[in-house]
Protein backbone atom coordinates (compact mmCIF):
# COMPACT_ATOMS: atom_id res chain seq x y z
CA UNK A 1 6.53 -25.64 0.89
CA UNK A 2 9.84 -24.83 -0.75
CA UNK A 3 12.93 -24.76 1.48
CA UNK A 4 14.08 -21.38 0.12
CA UNK A 5 11.00 -19.59 1.44
CA UNK A 6 11.31 -17.96 4.85
CA UNK A 7 8.10 -18.68 6.74
CA UNK A 8 9.43 -17.87 10.20
CA UNK A 9 8.89 -14.15 9.78
CA UNK A 10 5.32 -12.96 10.18
CA UNK A 11 6.17 -9.60 8.61
CA UNK A 12 6.02 -11.03 5.08
CA UNK A 13 2.33 -11.85 5.29
CA UNK A 14 -0.67 -9.79 4.24
CA UNK A 15 -3.46 -10.98 6.57
CA UNK A 16 -7.09 -9.96 6.44
CA UNK A 17 -6.59 -7.72 9.48
CA UNK A 18 -4.31 -5.47 7.38
CA UNK A 19 -6.75 -5.13 4.49
CA UNK A 20 -9.06 -2.16 4.20
CA UNK A 21 -12.54 -3.47 3.40
CA UNK A 22 -14.92 -1.10 5.19
CA UNK A 23 -16.89 1.08 2.75
CA UNK A 24 -17.33 3.99 5.23
CA UNK A 25 -13.59 4.02 5.96
CA UNK A 26 -12.76 3.93 2.25
CA UNK A 27 -15.14 6.84 1.58
CA UNK A 28 -13.58 8.78 4.48
CA UNK A 29 -10.08 8.04 3.12
CA UNK A 30 -10.85 9.41 -0.35
CA UNK A 31 -12.84 12.39 0.96
CA UNK A 32 -10.41 13.61 3.63
CA UNK A 33 -7.09 11.84 3.01
CA UNK A 34 -3.74 13.11 1.80
CA UNK A 35 -2.83 12.36 -1.82
CA UNK A 36 0.61 11.43 -3.07
CA UNK A 37 1.66 10.61 -6.63
CA UNK A 38 4.49 8.12 -7.07
CA UNK A 39 4.27 6.83 -10.62
CA UNK A 40 2.87 4.26 -11.44
CA UNK A 41 0.90 4.61 -8.20
CA UNK A 42 -1.48 7.14 -6.73
CA UNK A 43 -1.43 6.96 -2.94
CA UNK A 44 -4.13 8.15 -0.56
CA UNK A 45 -3.54 7.99 3.18
CA UNK A 46 -5.08 9.31 6.35
CA UNK A 47 -4.11 8.90 10.02
CA UNK A 48 -6.66 7.10 12.20
CA UNK A 49 -7.07 6.02 15.78
CA UNK A 50 -5.20 2.83 16.52
CA UNK A 51 -6.88 0.01 14.64
CA UNK A 52 -4.82 -2.86 16.05
CA UNK A 53 -2.45 -2.74 13.09
CA UNK A 54 -0.21 0.16 12.03
CA UNK A 55 -1.64 0.21 8.51
CA UNK A 56 -4.77 -0.97 6.70
CA UNK A 57 -4.31 -1.17 2.94
CA UNK A 58 -6.57 -1.06 -0.10
CA UNK A 59 -5.06 -2.03 -3.47
CA UNK A 60 -6.95 -1.20 -6.65
CA UNK A 61 -6.65 -0.58 -10.35
CA UNK A 62 -8.90 1.03 -12.92
CA UNK A 63 -11.35 -0.93 -15.03
CA UNK A 64 -11.07 1.88 -17.56
CA UNK A 65 -7.35 1.21 -18.10
CA UNK A 66 -7.51 -2.60 -17.87
CA UNK A 67 -10.68 -3.91 -19.46
CA UNK A 68 -9.94 -7.57 -18.76
CA UNK A 69 -10.22 -8.86 -15.20
CA UNK A 70 -7.17 -11.07 -15.68
CA UNK A 71 -5.05 -7.94 -16.27
CA UNK A 72 -6.50 -6.10 -13.26
CA UNK A 73 -5.91 -9.15 -11.07
CA UNK A 74 -2.30 -9.44 -12.26
CA UNK A 75 -1.60 -5.79 -11.48
CA UNK A 76 -3.16 -6.13 -8.03
CA UNK A 77 -1.27 -9.36 -7.35
CA UNK A 78 2.07 -7.75 -8.31
CA UNK A 79 1.26 -4.69 -6.20
CA UNK A 80 0.31 -6.84 -3.19
CA UNK A 81 3.59 -8.71 -3.53
CA UNK A 82 5.59 -5.46 -3.60
CA UNK A 83 3.70 -4.10 -0.60
CA UNK A 84 4.18 -7.35 1.29
CA UNK A 85 7.95 -7.21 0.72
CA UNK A 86 8.29 -3.54 1.70
CA UNK A 87 5.74 -3.21 4.49
CA UNK A 88 8.31 -3.79 7.24
CA UNK A 89 9.87 -0.42 6.32
CA UNK A 90 6.47 1.30 6.48
CA UNK A 91 5.59 -0.40 9.77
CA UNK A 92 8.90 0.73 11.30
CA UNK A 93 8.11 4.33 10.36
CA UNK A 94 4.56 4.12 11.72
CA UNK A 95 5.58 2.40 14.95
CA UNK A 96 8.29 5.00 15.54
CA UNK A 97 5.74 7.78 14.94
CA UNK A 98 3.10 6.08 17.05
CA UNK A 99 0.31 6.43 14.48
CA UNK A 100 -1.90 4.16 12.42
CA UNK A 101 -2.99 4.96 8.88
CA UNK A 102 -5.43 3.90 6.21
CA UNK A 103 -3.62 3.53 2.90
CA UNK A 104 -4.91 3.20 -0.65
CA UNK A 105 -2.54 2.15 -3.42
CA UNK A 106 -4.01 2.73 -6.89
CA UNK A 107 -2.16 1.58 -10.00
CA UNK A 108 -2.58 4.37 -12.56
CA UNK A 109 -0.29 3.34 -15.43
CA UNK A 110 -2.01 1.99 -18.55
CA UNK A 111 0.51 -0.84 -19.10
CA UNK A 112 1.49 -3.69 -16.83
CA UNK A 113 5.05 -3.31 -15.57
CA UNK A 114 7.08 -6.36 -14.61
CA UNK A 115 7.74 -7.20 -10.99
CA UNK A 116 11.35 -5.93 -11.02
CA UNK A 117 10.23 -2.49 -12.20
CA UNK A 118 7.45 -2.37 -9.59
CA UNK A 119 9.90 -3.37 -6.83
CA UNK A 120 12.13 -0.48 -7.91
CA UNK A 121 9.15 1.92 -7.87
CA UNK A 122 8.14 0.72 -4.39
CA UNK A 123 11.68 1.43 -3.17
CA UNK A 124 11.06 5.07 -4.12
CA UNK A 125 7.46 5.15 -2.90
CA UNK A 126 8.15 4.31 0.76
CA UNK A 127 10.48 7.31 1.40
CA UNK A 128 7.96 9.64 -0.28
CA UNK A 129 5.21 8.29 1.95
CA UNK A 130 7.46 8.63 5.00
CA UNK A 131 8.18 12.26 4.11
CA UNK A 132 4.46 12.97 3.70
CA UNK A 133 3.68 11.38 7.07
CA UNK A 134 6.46 13.34 8.79
CA UNK A 135 5.21 16.61 7.25
CA UNK A 136 1.73 15.85 8.54
CA UNK A 137 3.01 15.08 12.05
CA UNK A 138 5.02 18.31 12.25
CA UNK A 139 2.25 20.57 10.92
């Protein structure tokens, strides 16, 4: 383990309990969830009863846009890393609101962006998601 890596904080992990794997829940998310576009991502989210974690996340990319698995895996790996670094902001919003959500993050761009660009896009995505959640709570 490198000395520069902070392992004391559990917020920078992405454990199995935070991953959305259930097919019925995924179908429910896409059928009844709220949609938000934040280029290069398409976001679907839906509030749910408390699931033990504030947010369960599904990260995906299109086989139509990235024909090679190595490219799809790279996009998903970069997206997971961005989510992992920014999830503390999302969790703070959800804990303050007292809700849990299911969240799908779909990469929709047809080119792979570098990690710095994706970090910048995630900085803009979280406030948009917060605004959407607040609008839902007040409606």
